[in-house]
Amino acid sequence: MADESVEDLECPETGFHDDKEKEEADTGEEISADETKIITERVKFLRETIRHCRHFISMVACPQWQLLSMEVVAASIVGLVLEQ
């Protein structure tokens, strides 16, 4: 039932998603001149992993892809926690 509604859905010409640059700008935190943050390579890797996997995590019609993507993100989190 849910699969049928997804398959019949047509994409509008302008698309469902906002401008990718705007979306990425909204998720970034603003850092004032007074404070500086040191971001490790593991944190950068985790952010990139989440950014690349979030589309597949939200795919309701493909639970296998959702589970696999969540496993990838979980493995990245475990790697970050073990580093600390």
Protein backbone atom coordinates (compact mmCIF):
# COMPACT_ATOMS: atom_id res chain seq x y z
CA MET A 1 0.00 0.00 0.00
CA ALA A 2 2.70 2.47 0.96
CA ASP A 3 4.84 1.25 -1.94
CA GLU A 4 2.07 2.04 -4.43
CA SER A 5 1.79 5.66 -3.29
CA VAL A 6 5.56 6.15 -3.60
CA GLU A 7 5.72 4.64 -7.08
CA ASP A 8 2.77 6.71 -8.37
CA LEU A 9 4.22 9.94 -7.03
CA GLU A 10 5.64 12.18 -9.75
CA CYS A 11 8.45 14.61 -9.08
CA PRO A 12 7.66 18.27 -9.68
CA GLU A 13 9.93 20.16 -12.06
CA THR A 14 11.41 22.17 -9.21
CA GLY A 15 11.98 19.02 -7.14
CA PHE A 16 11.05 18.11 -3.60
CA HIS A 17 14.27 19.28 -1.99
CA ASP A 18 15.55 22.78 -1.40
CA ASP A 19 18.80 23.99 -2.79
CA LYS A 20 21.56 21.68 -1.56
CA GLU A 21 23.84 24.58 -0.59
CA LYS A 22 21.05 26.17 1.45
CA GLU A 23 20.38 22.87 3.22
CA GLU A 24 24.05 22.40 4.09
CA ALA A 25 24.31 26.01 5.29
CA ASP A 26 21.34 25.50 7.62
CA THR A 27 22.89 22.45 9.25
CA GLY A 28 26.24 24.15 9.90
CA GLU A 29 26.88 25.88 13.18
CA GLU A 30 28.05 29.44 13.23
CA ILE A 31 31.26 29.98 15.15
CA SER A 32 31.93 33.43 16.53
CA ALA A 33 35.35 35.05 16.39
CA ASP A 34 35.82 34.46 20.12
CA GLU A 35 35.43 30.70 20.07
CA THR A 36 37.30 28.20 17.98
CA LYS A 37 36.46 24.54 17.72
CA ILE A 38 38.88 21.80 16.88
CA ILE A 39 37.15 19.21 14.74
CA THR A 40 38.92 15.88 14.52
CA GLU A 41 39.14 13.82 11.36
CA ARG A 42 36.82 11.22 12.92
CA VAL A 43 34.13 13.86 13.51
CA LYS A 44 34.50 15.09 9.93
CA PHE A 45 34.21 11.50 8.73
CA LEU A 46 31.07 10.95 10.84
CA ARG A 47 29.47 14.12 9.47
CA GLU A 48 30.23 13.07 5.89
CA THR A 49 28.91 9.56 6.56
CA ILE A 50 25.63 10.92 7.93
CA ARG A 51 25.33 13.37 5.05
CA HIS A 52 25.81 10.60 2.50
CA CYS A 53 23.58 8.03 4.26
CA ARG A 54 20.60 10.14 5.35
CA HIS A 55 18.85 9.75 1.99
CA PHE A 56 19.00 5.95 2.25
CA ILE A 57 17.95 6.00 5.93
CA SER A 58 14.76 7.85 4.96
CA MET A 59 13.78 5.38 2.20
CA VAL A 60 10.55 3.88 3.57
CA ALA A 61 10.07 1.57 0.57
CA CYS A 62 13.50 -0.06 0.98
CA PRO A 63 13.95 -1.29 4.57
CA GLN A 64 17.11 -3.23 3.63
CA TRP A 65 18.80 0.00 2.55
CA GLN A 66 17.59 1.74 5.70
CA LEU A 67 19.08 -0.93 7.94
CA LEU A 68 22.36 -1.06 6.04
CA SER A 69 22.71 2.73 6.11
CA MET A 70 22.00 2.86 9.84
CA GLU A 71 24.63 0.16 10.39
CA VAL A 72 27.16 2.28 8.48
CA VAL A 73 26.38 5.34 10.62
CA ALA A 74 26.47 3.24 13.81
CA ALA A 75 29.89 1.87 12.89
CA SER A 76 31.13 5.43 12.36
CA ILE A 77 29.79 6.46 15.78
CA VAL A 78 31.45 3.47 17.43
CA GLY A 79 34.74 4.43 15.78
CA LEU A 80 34.41 7.97 17.12
CA VAL A 81 33.57 6.80 20.65
CA LEU A 82 36.45 4.32 20.70
CA GLU A 83 38.86 7.07 19.68
CA GLN A 84 37.90 9.13 22.73
